[in-house]
Protein backbone atom coordinates (compact mmCIF):
# COMPACT_ATOMS: atom_id res chain seq x y z
CA UNK A 1 26.37 17.45 -24.25
CA UNK A 2 28.24 15.07 -26.57
CA UNK A 3 31.55 16.43 -25.29
CA UNK A 4 30.43 15.86 -21.68
CA UNK A 5 29.39 12.26 -22.41
CA UNK A 6 32.69 11.50 -24.16
CA UNK A 7 34.62 13.05 -21.30
CA UNK A 8 32.85 10.89 -18.75
CA UNK A 9 33.24 7.82 -20.94
CA UNK A 10 36.98 8.46 -21.19
CA UNK A 11 37.18 8.91 -17.45
CA UNK A 12 35.34 5.65 -16.95
CA UNK A 13 37.72 3.83 -19.29
CA UNK A 14 40.77 5.29 -17.52
CA UNK A 15 39.38 4.09 -14.21
CA UNK A 16 39.17 0.47 -15.33
CA UNK A 17 41.51 -1.86 -13.51
CA UNK A 18 43.44 -4.05 -15.95
CA UNK A 19 44.96 -6.49 -13.46
CA UNK A 20 43.04 -8.44 -10.82
CA UNK A 21 44.25 -11.03 -8.29
CA UNK A 22 43.24 -14.56 -9.33
CA UNK A 23 42.75 -17.51 -7.00
CA UNK A 24 41.48 -21.08 -7.30
CA UNK A 25 38.52 -22.90 -5.81
CA UNK A 26 39.88 -25.17 -3.08
CA UNK A 27 36.65 -26.40 -1.47
CA UNK A 28 32.87 -26.22 -1.79
CA UNK A 29 31.19 -26.39 1.60
CA UNK A 30 27.40 -26.35 1.30
CA UNK A 31 26.58 -23.07 -0.37
CA UNK A 32 29.97 -21.49 0.40
CA UNK A 33 33.08 -21.48 -1.80
CA UNK A 34 36.65 -21.53 -0.47
CA UNK A 35 39.28 -19.74 -2.57
CA UNK A 36 43.01 -20.05 -2.15
CA UNK A 37 45.67 -17.68 -3.40
CA UNK A 38 43.89 -14.38 -2.76
CA UNK A 39 43.85 -14.25 1.04
CA UNK A 40 46.58 -11.63 1.05
CA UNK A 41 44.58 -9.33 -1.26
CA UNK A 42 40.95 -10.03 -0.37
CA UNK A 43 38.88 -7.89 2.00
CA UNK A 44 35.50 -8.51 3.57
CA UNK A 45 32.85 -7.34 1.12
CA UNK A 46 34.97 -7.66 -2.01
CA UNK A 47 33.30 -8.97 -5.13
CA UNK A 48 34.49 -12.24 -6.68
CA UNK A 49 33.75 -13.77 -10.09
CA UNK A 50 34.18 -17.54 -10.45
CA UNK A 51 34.84 -18.75 -14.01
CA UNK A 52 33.09 -22.11 -14.23
CA UNK A 53 34.31 -24.49 -16.94
CA UNK A 54 30.97 -25.40 -18.50
CA UNK A 55 28.62 -22.69 -17.23
CA UNK A 56 28.29 -18.93 -17.05
CA UNK A 57 30.48 -17.03 -14.56
CA UNK A 58 29.26 -16.98 -10.97
CA UNK A 59 29.52 -13.83 -8.85
CA UNK A 60 29.78 -13.68 -5.08
CA UNK A 61 31.04 -11.72 -2.09
CA UNK A 62 33.80 -12.33 0.44
CA UNK A 63 32.31 -13.19 3.85
CA UNK A 64 35.21 -14.71 5.79
CA UNK A 65 39.01 -14.66 5.69
CA UNK A 66 41.64 -16.97 7.14
CA UNK A 67 45.39 -17.41 6.72
CA UNK A 68 45.03 -19.87 3.84
CA UNK A 69 41.74 -19.08 2.09
CA UNK A 70 38.83 -16.70 1.59
CA UNK A 71 35.20 -17.78 1.92
CA UNK A 72 32.66 -16.35 -0.50
CA UNK A 73 28.90 -16.55 -0.69
CA UNK A 74 27.79 -16.94 -4.32
CA UNK A 75 24.74 -15.13 -5.66
CA UNK A 76 23.19 -18.35 -6.94
CA UNK A 77 23.57 -22.08 -6.43
CA UNK A 78 27.16 -23.22 -7.05
CA UNK A 79 26.12 -25.80 -9.63
CA UNK A 80 28.93 -26.56 -12.07
CA UNK A 81 31.70 -25.27 -9.81
CA UNK A 82 34.80 -27.48 -9.84
CA UNK A 83 37.93 -27.60 -7.73
CA UNK A 84 40.58 -25.51 -9.40
CA UNK A 85 38.17 -23.12 -11.14
CA UNK A 86 39.60 -19.61 -11.38
CA UNK A 87 38.21 -16.90 -9.10
CA UNK A 88 38.88 -13.26 -10.03
CA UNK A 89 38.91 -10.78 -7.15
CA UNK A 90 37.38 -7.34 -7.66
CA UNK A 91 37.47 -4.39 -5.33
CA UNK A 92 34.98 -3.73 -2.55
CA UNK A 93 31.56 -2.48 -3.51
CA UNK A 94 31.29 1.15 -4.51
CA UNK A 95 28.81 3.05 -6.64
CA UNK A 96 29.36 6.19 -8.74
CA UNK A 97 26.07 8.11 -9.01
CA UNK A 98 25.61 10.93 -11.51
CA UNK A 99 23.05 13.69 -11.96
CA UNK A 100 21.74 12.14 -15.19
CA UNK A 101 20.65 9.01 -13.29
CA UNK A 102 17.40 10.87 -12.63
CA UNK A 103 14.64 9.24 -14.64
CA UNK A 104 16.45 5.90 -14.76
CA UNK A 105 15.87 2.41 -13.35
CA UNK A 106 19.05 0.68 -12.16
CA UNK A 107 20.06 -2.49 -10.35
CA UNK A 108 22.01 -2.61 -7.05
CA UNK A 109 25.32 -2.61 -8.95
CA UNK A 110 24.61 0.57 -10.93
CA UNK A 111 23.74 -1.20 -14.19
CA UNK A 112 20.69 0.02 -16.16
CA UNK A 113 17.49 -2.01 -16.15
CA UNK A 114 15.63 0.12 -18.69
CA UNK A 115 17.64 -0.96 -21.76
CA UNK A 116 19.54 2.29 -22.23
CA UNK A 117 23.26 2.93 -21.63
CA UNK A 118 24.23 4.46 -18.31
CA UNK A 119 27.55 6.10 -17.49
CA UNK A 120 29.01 6.19 -14.01
CA UNK A 121 29.63 9.46 -12.23
CA UNK A 122 33.03 11.03 -11.64
CA UNK A 123 33.46 9.92 -8.03
CA UNK A 124 32.98 6.51 -6.45
CA UNK A 125 31.12 6.37 -3.14
CA UNK A 126 31.27 3.57 -0.57
CA UNK A 127 28.03 1.65 -0.21
CA UNK A 128 28.23 1.59 3.58
CA UNK A 129 29.13 5.22 4.25
CA UNK A 130 28.92 6.86 7.66
CA UNK A 131 26.19 9.42 8.37
CA UNK A 132 27.13 13.07 8.92
CA UNK A 133 28.65 13.85 12.31
CA UNK A 134 25.77 14.25 14.79
CA UNK A 135 26.93 17.62 16.13
CA UNK A 136 27.06 19.15 12.64
CA UNK A 137 23.65 18.09 11.32
CA UNK A 138 20.88 20.60 10.71
CA UNK A 139 17.63 20.54 12.64
CA UNK A 140 14.52 19.15 10.98
CA UNK A 141 13.21 21.48 8.29
CA UNK A 142 9.86 22.83 7.19
CA UNK A 143 6.62 20.86 6.98
CA UNK A 144 6.08 19.25 3.58
CA UNK A 145 2.95 19.18 1.47
CA UNK A 146 1.99 15.52 1.05
CA UNK A 147 -1.28 15.53 -0.91
CA UNK A 148 -3.11 13.81 1.98
CA UNK A 149 -5.18 15.55 4.65
CA UNK A 150 -4.00 13.38 7.55
CA UNK A 151 -0.29 13.91 6.79
CA UNK A 152 -0.87 17.62 6.31
CA UNK A 153 -2.39 17.90 9.80
CA UNK A 154 -2.20 15.17 12.46
CA UNK A 155 0.83 13.23 11.15
CA UNK A 156 3.04 15.94 9.62
CA UNK A 157 6.09 15.05 7.54
CA UNK A 158 8.98 17.54 7.62
CA UNK A 159 12.27 17.86 5.75
CA UNK A 160 14.80 15.40 7.11
CA UNK A 161 12.28 13.30 9.02
CA UNK A 162 12.43 9.48 8.95
CA UNK A 163 9.01 7.84 9.02
CA UNK A 164 7.97 4.18 9.12
CA UNK A 165 4.85 2.64 7.54
CA UNK A 166 3.97 -0.48 9.54
CA UNK A 167 1.40 -2.98 8.25
CA UNK A 168 0.70 -6.57 7.35
CA UNK A 169 0.66 -7.81 3.78
CA UNK A 170 -2.05 -6.47 1.48
CA UNK A 171 -3.11 -3.59 3.73
CA UNK A 172 -1.93 -0.80 1.41
CA UNK A 173 1.70 0.07 2.27
CA UNK A 174 2.91 0.17 -1.33
CA UNK A 175 -0.14 2.11 -2.51
CA UNK A 176 0.38 4.75 0.17
CA UNK A 177 4.09 4.88 -0.65
CA UNK A 178 3.24 5.45 -4.31
CA UNK A 179 0.95 8.36 -3.39
CA UNK A 180 3.76 9.97 -1.39
CA UNK A 181 6.14 9.48 -4.32
CA UNK A 182 3.83 11.48 -6.57
CA UNK A 183 2.86 14.27 -4.19
CA UNK A 184 5.48 14.97 -1.50
CA UNK A 185 7.56 18.11 -2.07
CA UNK A 186 11.13 17.11 -3.00
CA UNK A 187 13.83 17.93 -5.55
CA UNK A 188 14.74 14.29 -6.17
CA UNK A 189 13.06 11.01 -5.22
CA UNK A 190 15.11 7.84 -4.73
CA UNK A 191 13.07 4.64 -4.52
CA UNK A 192 14.51 1.36 -3.26
CA UNK A 193 12.40 -1.62 -4.35
CA UNK A 194 13.89 -4.38 -2.20
CA UNK A 195 12.74 -7.89 -2.99
CA UNK A 196 9.64 -6.77 -4.88
CA UNK A 197 7.76 -9.03 -7.26
CA UNK A 198 9.25 -8.74 -10.75
CA UNK A 199 5.98 -7.85 -12.46
CA UNK A 200 5.49 -4.85 -10.16
CA UNK A 201 8.59 -2.99 -11.31
CA UNK A 202 7.29 -2.07 -14.77
CA UNK A 203 3.83 -1.32 -13.37
CA UNK A 204 5.28 0.95 -10.69
CA UNK A 205 7.45 2.88 -13.14
CA UNK A 206 4.92 3.21 -15.99
CA UNK A 207 1.62 3.46 -14.13
CA UNK A 208 2.20 4.51 -10.54
CA UNK A 209 4.97 7.06 -11.11
CA UNK A 210 4.34 7.73 -14.78
CA UNK A 211 6.43 10.05 -16.97
CA UNK A 212 5.89 13.04 -14.66
CA UNK A 213 6.98 11.14 -11.55
CA UNK A 214 10.04 9.66 -13.26
CA UNK A 215 11.27 13.14 -14.21
CA UNK A 216 12.55 13.53 -10.65
CA UNK A 217 13.03 9.88 -9.59
CA UNK A 218 15.79 7.27 -9.49
CA UNK A 219 14.52 3.71 -9.00
CA UNK A 220 16.88 1.06 -7.62
CA UNK A 221 15.37 -2.43 -7.84
CA UNK A 222 16.28 -5.95 -6.75
CA UNK A 223 13.48 -8.45 -7.35
CA UNK A 224 12.54 -11.28 -5.01
CA UNK A 225 14.27 -13.94 -7.13
CA UNK A 226 17.68 -12.30 -6.74
CA UNK A 227 20.25 -13.32 -4.17
CA UNK A 228 20.22 -11.96 -0.60
CA UNK A 229 23.47 -10.16 -1.47
CA UNK A 230 21.71 -8.19 -4.22
CA UNK A 231 18.61 -7.51 -2.12
CA UNK A 232 20.66 -6.21 0.79
CA UNK A 233 22.86 -4.15 -1.51
CA UNK A 234 19.76 -2.56 -3.08
CA UNK A 235 19.05 -0.53 0.06
CA UNK A 236 22.69 0.58 0.39
CA UNK A 237 22.91 1.58 -3.27
CA UNK A 238 19.70 3.61 -3.10
CA UNK A 239 20.85 5.40 0.06
CA UNK A 240 24.23 6.17 -1.57
CA UNK A 241 22.43 7.68 -4.58
CA UNK A 242 20.30 9.78 -2.19
CA UNK A 243 23.46 11.02 -0.44
CA UNK A 244 24.92 12.06 -3.80
CA UNK A 245 22.03 14.46 -4.39
CA UNK A 246 21.83 15.54 -0.74
CA UNK A 247 25.47 16.66 -0.83
CA UNK A 248 24.61 18.93 -3.76
CA UNK A 249 22.06 20.77 -1.62
CA UNK A 250 18.96 18.95 -2.87
CA UNK A 251 16.07 17.93 -0.64
CA UNK A 252 15.72 14.21 -1.34
CA UNK A 253 12.78 11.91 -0.62
CA UNK A 254 13.96 8.34 0.02
CA UNK A 255 11.32 5.60 -0.18
CA UNK A 256 12.39 2.13 0.96
CA UNK A 257 10.06 -0.81 0.34
CA UNK A 258 10.69 -2.73 2.47
CA UNK A 259 13.11 -2.71 5.38
CA UNK A 260 11.74 -6.08 6.47
CA UNK A 261 13.00 -7.70 3.27
CA UNK A 262 16.32 -5.87 3.71
CA UNK A 263 16.61 -7.40 7.20
CA UNK A 264 15.65 -10.85 5.89
CA UNK A 265 18.35 -10.62 3.21
CA UNK A 266 20.90 -9.58 5.83
CA UNK A 267 19.84 -12.54 7.98
CA UNK A 268 20.60 -14.97 5.16
CA UNK A 269 24.01 -13.45 4.58
CA UNK A 270 24.90 -13.18 8.26
CA UNK A 271 23.89 -16.76 9.06
CA UNK A 272 25.95 -17.99 6.08
CA UNK A 273 28.95 -16.11 7.47
CA UNK A 274 28.68 -17.89 10.80
CA UNK A 275 26.43 -15.69 12.98
CA UNK A 276 23.95 -17.56 15.13
CA UNK A 277 20.27 -16.54 15.04
CA UNK A 278 19.34 -15.19 18.46
CA UNK A 279 16.25 -12.97 18.24
CA UNK A 280 13.34 -14.77 16.57
CA UNK A 281 15.73 -16.06 13.94
CA UNK A 282 17.61 -12.77 13.39
CA UNK A 283 21.36 -12.57 14.19
CA UNK A 284 22.70 -9.94 16.62
CA UNK A 285 24.08 -7.72 13.82
CA UNK A 286 20.57 -7.07 12.43
CA UNK A 287 19.82 -4.15 14.75
CA UNK A 288 23.08 -2.37 13.98
CA UNK A 289 22.69 -2.93 10.22
CA UNK A 290 19.19 -1.43 10.21
CA UNK A 291 20.14 1.50 12.43
CA UNK A 292 23.21 2.26 10.30
CA UNK A 293 21.04 2.50 7.19
CA UNK A 294 18.39 4.68 8.83
CA UNK A 295 20.92 7.07 10.40
CA UNK A 296 22.29 7.90 6.97
CA UNK A 297 18.94 9.54 6.17
CA UNK A 298 17.88 12.77 7.83
CA UNK A 299 19.27 16.32 7.79
CA UNK A 300 22.65 16.93 6.23
CA UNK A 301 25.51 19.08 7.46
CA UNK A 302 26.92 22.38 6.21
CA UNK A 303 25.47 23.43 2.85
CA UNK A 304 24.01 20.01 2.02
CA UNK A 305 20.31 19.28 1.81
CA UNK A 306 18.30 16.66 3.66
CA UNK A 307 17.08 13.12 3.05
CA UNK A 308 13.47 12.69 4.10
CA UNK A 309 12.93 8.95 4.39
CA UNK A 310 9.85 6.75 4.45
CA UNK A 311 10.48 3.07 5.19
CA UNK A 312 7.83 0.38 4.93
CA UNK A 313 7.82 -2.45 7.47
CA UNK A 314 5.98 -5.72 6.92
CA UNK A 315 4.44 -6.63 10.28
CA UNK A 316 3.39 -10.29 10.23
CA UNK A 317 0.08 -10.81 11.98
CA UNK A 318 0.00 -7.10 12.94
CA UNK A 319 2.56 -7.87 15.68
CA UNK A 320 4.15 -4.51 16.42
CA UNK A 321 6.49 -6.17 18.93
CA UNK A 322 8.29 -8.32 16.36
CA UNK A 323 12.05 -7.55 16.15
CA UNK A 324 12.24 -5.43 12.98
CA UNK A 325 9.25 -3.26 13.91
CA UNK A 326 10.58 -2.82 17.44
CA UNK A 327 14.04 -1.78 16.22
CA UNK A 328 12.64 0.74 13.73
CA UNK A 329 10.18 2.35 16.12
CA UNK A 330 13.12 3.20 18.36
CA UNK A 331 15.29 4.77 15.66
CA UNK A 332 12.75 6.56 13.42
CA UNK A 333 11.15 9.99 13.88
CA UNK A 334 7.62 8.67 13.65
CA UNK A 335 5.57 5.65 12.72
CA UNK A 336 2.29 5.18 10.87
CA UNK A 337 0.36 1.99 11.61
CA UNK A 338 -1.98 0.59 8.95
CA UNK A 339 -4.67 -1.65 10.44
CA UNK A 340 -6.18 -4.64 8.64
CA UNK A 341 -9.60 -4.21 10.30
CA UNK A 342 -9.83 -0.65 9.00
CA UNK A 343 -8.88 -1.84 5.51
CA UNK A 344 -11.49 -4.59 5.64
CA UNK A 345 -14.26 -2.06 6.21
CA UNK A 346 -13.14 -0.21 3.10
CA UNK A 347 -11.25 2.85 4.32
CA UNK A 348 -7.92 3.45 2.56
CA UNK A 349 -5.31 4.30 3.58
CA UNK A 350 -6.13 2.23 6.65
CA UNK A 351 -4.27 4.47 9.10
CA UNK A 352 -4.84 3.78 12.79
CA UNK A 353 -4.28 7.32 14.02
CA UNK A 354 -4.30 6.48 17.73
CA UNK A 355 -1.38 4.04 17.26
CA UNK A 356 0.52 6.38 14.92
CA UNK A 357 2.76 9.28 15.87
CA UNK A 358 4.92 11.92 14.20
CA UNK A 359 7.83 13.04 16.34
CA UNK A 360 8.04 16.28 14.38
CA UNK A 361 5.21 17.53 16.61
CA UNK A 362 4.72 19.90 18.34
CA UNK A 363 7.45 21.88 16.53
CA UNK A 364 5.98 21.27 13.06
CA UNK A 365 2.72 23.06 13.89
CA UNK A 366 1.69 26.35 15.46
CA UNK A 367 0.22 26.50 18.97
CA UNK A 368 -3.31 26.81 17.59
CA UNK A 369 -2.77 23.93 15.15
CA UNK A 370 -1.44 21.73 17.96
CA UNK A 371 -4.64 22.41 19.92
CA UNK A 372 -6.73 21.33 16.93
CA UNK A 373 -4.67 18.15 16.54
CA UNK A 374 -4.90 17.36 20.26
CA UNK A 375 -8.68 17.86 20.24
CA UNK A 376 -9.17 15.58 17.23
CA UNK A 377 -7.01 12.86 18.78
CA UNK A 378 -8.86 13.21 22.09
CA UNK A 379 -12.27 12.73 20.46
CA UNK A 380 -11.07 9.72 18.49
CA UNK A 381 -9.74 8.25 21.74
CA UNK A 382 -13.04 8.87 23.52
CA UNK A 383 -14.91 7.10 20.73
CA UNK A 384 -12.46 4.16 20.69
CA UNK A 385 -12.92 3.57 24.43
CA UNK A 386 -16.71 3.41 24.08
CA UNK A 387 -16.99 1.89 20.61
CA UNK A 388 -18.13 -1.55 21.73
CA UNK A 389 -20.99 -0.09 23.82
CA UNK A 390 -21.97 2.32 21.03
CA UNK A 391 -22.15 -0.36 18.34
CA UNK A 392 -24.04 -2.70 20.66
CA UNK A 393 -26.65 0.01 21.30
CA UNK A 394 -25.86 0.07 25.03
CA UNK A 395 -24.87 3.72 25.19
CA UNK A 396 -27.67 6.17 25.99
CA UNK A 397 -27.43 9.58 24.38
CA UNK A 398 -26.82 12.32 26.93
CA UNK A 399 -24.97 10.07 29.39
CA UNK A 400 -21.70 11.87 28.71
CA UNK A 401 -21.30 15.09 26.69
CA UNK A 402 -17.80 14.18 25.54
CA UNK A 403 -18.93 10.81 24.23
CA UNK A 404 -21.90 12.43 22.49
CA UNK A 405 -19.53 14.84 20.77
CA UNK A 406 -17.14 12.02 19.82
CA UNK A 407 -20.00 10.06 18.25
CA UNK A 408 -21.06 13.08 16.21
CA UNK A 409 -17.58 13.82 14.89
CA UNK A 410 -16.31 10.27 14.40
CA UNK A 411 -17.75 9.66 10.88
CA UNK A 412 -16.29 12.99 9.73
CA UNK A 413 -12.84 12.33 11.18
CA UNK A 414 -12.82 8.77 9.88
CA UNK A 415 -13.48 10.05 6.36
CA UNK A 416 -10.92 12.82 6.81
CA UNK A 417 -8.15 10.26 7.41
CA UNK A 418 -8.70 8.83 3.93
CA UNK A 419 -8.92 12.06 1.96
CA UNK A 420 -6.51 13.48 -0.57
CA UNK A 421 -5.72 17.19 -0.46
CA UNK A 422 -5.02 19.30 -3.51
CA UNK A 423 -5.24 22.77 -1.95
CA UNK A 424 -2.47 22.69 0.62
CA UNK A 425 -1.83 22.35 4.34
CA UNK A 426 -3.85 25.41 5.35
CA UNK A 427 -6.97 24.05 3.65
CA UNK A 428 -6.56 20.71 5.44
CA UNK A 429 -6.50 22.47 8.81
CA UNK A 430 -9.52 24.60 7.85
CA UNK A 431 -11.53 21.49 7.11
CA UNK A 432 -10.44 19.84 10.36
CA UNK A 433 -11.50 22.90 12.36
CA UNK A 434 -14.91 22.87 10.67
CA UNK A 435 -15.49 19.27 11.69
CA UNK A 436 -14.63 19.92 15.32
CA UNK A 437 -16.79 23.04 15.47
CA UNK A 438 -19.70 21.20 13.96
CA UNK A 439 -19.47 18.53 16.65
CA UNK A 440 -19.23 21.20 19.38
CA UNK A 441 -22.09 23.36 18.09
CA UNK A 442 -24.54 20.64 17.08
CA UNK A 443 -27.64 20.52 19.26
CA UNK A 444 -30.86 18.54 19.01
CA UNK A 445 -31.36 16.04 16.23
CA UNK A 446 -29.74 13.31 18.35
CA UNK A 447 -26.44 11.56 18.05
CA UNK A 448 -25.21 10.44 14.64
CA UNK A 449 -24.95 6.68 15.04
CA UNK A 450 -22.16 5.00 13.06
CA UNK A 451 -23.06 2.60 10.28
CA UNK A 452 -23.32 -1.01 11.42
CA UNK A 453 -24.66 -0.18 14.91
CA UNK A 454 -27.04 -2.74 16.37
CA UNK A 455 -29.19 -0.04 17.92
CA UNK A 456 -30.25 1.44 14.57
CA UNK A 457 -29.06 2.70 11.19
CA UNK A 458 -26.67 5.59 10.78
CA UNK A 459 -28.32 9.00 10.44
CA UNK A 460 -27.72 10.52 7.05
CA UNK A 461 -26.88 14.20 6.71
CA UNK A 462 -29.49 16.58 5.39
CA UNK A 463 -29.34 16.18 1.59
CA UNK A 464 -30.07 19.86 1.21
CA UNK A 465 -27.07 20.97 3.22
CA UNK A 466 -23.96 22.26 1.46
CA UNK A 467 -20.96 20.09 2.29
CA UNK A 468 -17.27 19.98 1.60
CA UNK A 469 -15.55 16.90 0.21
CA UNK A 470 -15.04 15.76 3.83
CA UNK A 471 -18.77 15.84 4.51
CA UNK A 472 -18.51 18.94 6.71
CA UNK A 473 -21.67 21.02 6.63
CA UNK A 474 -20.44 24.55 6.19
CA UNK A 475 -23.97 25.99 6.20
CA UNK A 476 -24.56 24.53 9.67
CA UNK A 477 -21.87 26.79 11.15
CA UNK A 478 -23.02 30.42 11.06
CA UNK A 479 -20.15 32.81 10.83
CA UNK A 480 -17.62 30.11 9.98
CA UNK A 481 -16.30 30.42 6.40
CA UNK A 482 -16.00 27.24 4.42
CA UNK A 483 -12.60 26.12 3.14
CA UNK A 484 -11.46 27.15 -0.32
CA UNK A 485 -13.12 25.06 -2.97
CA UNK A 486 -16.10 24.08 -0.80
CA UNK A 487 -19.31 23.75 -2.76
């Protein structure tokens, strides 16, 4: 191991560039810096370090080029910059991931954030790489165990799928993402924390993931106080790290929180470079930038693995038609909508199943499982259409058999959407079948009225009945075996 570390260290030293082109600051225009003398060497995206006379060096990125100067956007305010200050040009952004980055927390430039030394890998990768050729990519893989009943059944997640979590602030996106990080089947997890609050990084690593979660995770973080260049680069760096492990045949879980902040960072950079805002303040290049990032996830080609991606999207005011949400719904393989009203009545995760979809269906489930999923969705839809009448006490029991059945099963399905699952996908389907059979076989005893109904209190189940964790009465279904672990 010592020999390997020394070998990589020597390789890293040999790869250092001794000479760099040097220019001079010729103008400061608002927040942009003009540099002369490097226009023949500079490329769009190159890194630049400005050596201020009485302050710490200032880093930036080349945004524009002309015949007589290069324009850079600095990562912080250009206070202390003077005409004639030296500007050192570095090469375009690359990252060199390595296998021993697992268990580490790094910044968007590949530097460690956990206080321990970190060596670069043997090969540099471009931050904005192209996805595999479409005709060579594998099909979506097998269904993954997620540790949640709803994702094991009605919203399946499969290898190589790209899923979006859409919600307003404070509705539970990050909490749900953390659960997936701990429980989804994957060889390696790469987490991009884009523009997160600084205090949440340590909490996420130590408490949410914990030592067990970090054993298979790489965390790339850019906090909200960092420049838009760093925040935008965070997503690209994390995806490049995921591609490193994918190309080795690993099945990678990529968690990006959030794509909205990635798009906002890109907007700041693009507007500074001269693009005009055209779509609710976003420049035209926003759609292509988001799609390019998302297309890099998914199944690999040849002997490589797959990148299963979950992106969170901050939907202001629950407006699913806002530009970022609209772009992502078109490019992803499914979307999960978290509803504030559901969260306010205390059900977490606050998944609105009728507005959510997984495009891995019907292929991800058997014919019988698809029938169970379709029936559960149908009953939830029937209840949703009549909910106002039911809660107002205006619906008379017996008026419509389908509505009666939907009312009986709704409390069970609503609880099912919030449940964790420790016994696997098959057990989740068993429990879902039991709920639907109970609603179909129940007779007499009236309709179970949901809590909060004006027409009367909710009926409570028989306290003497044996129930599963979902509240399904196994004893009420003669001949139907209860799921494993049922009491």
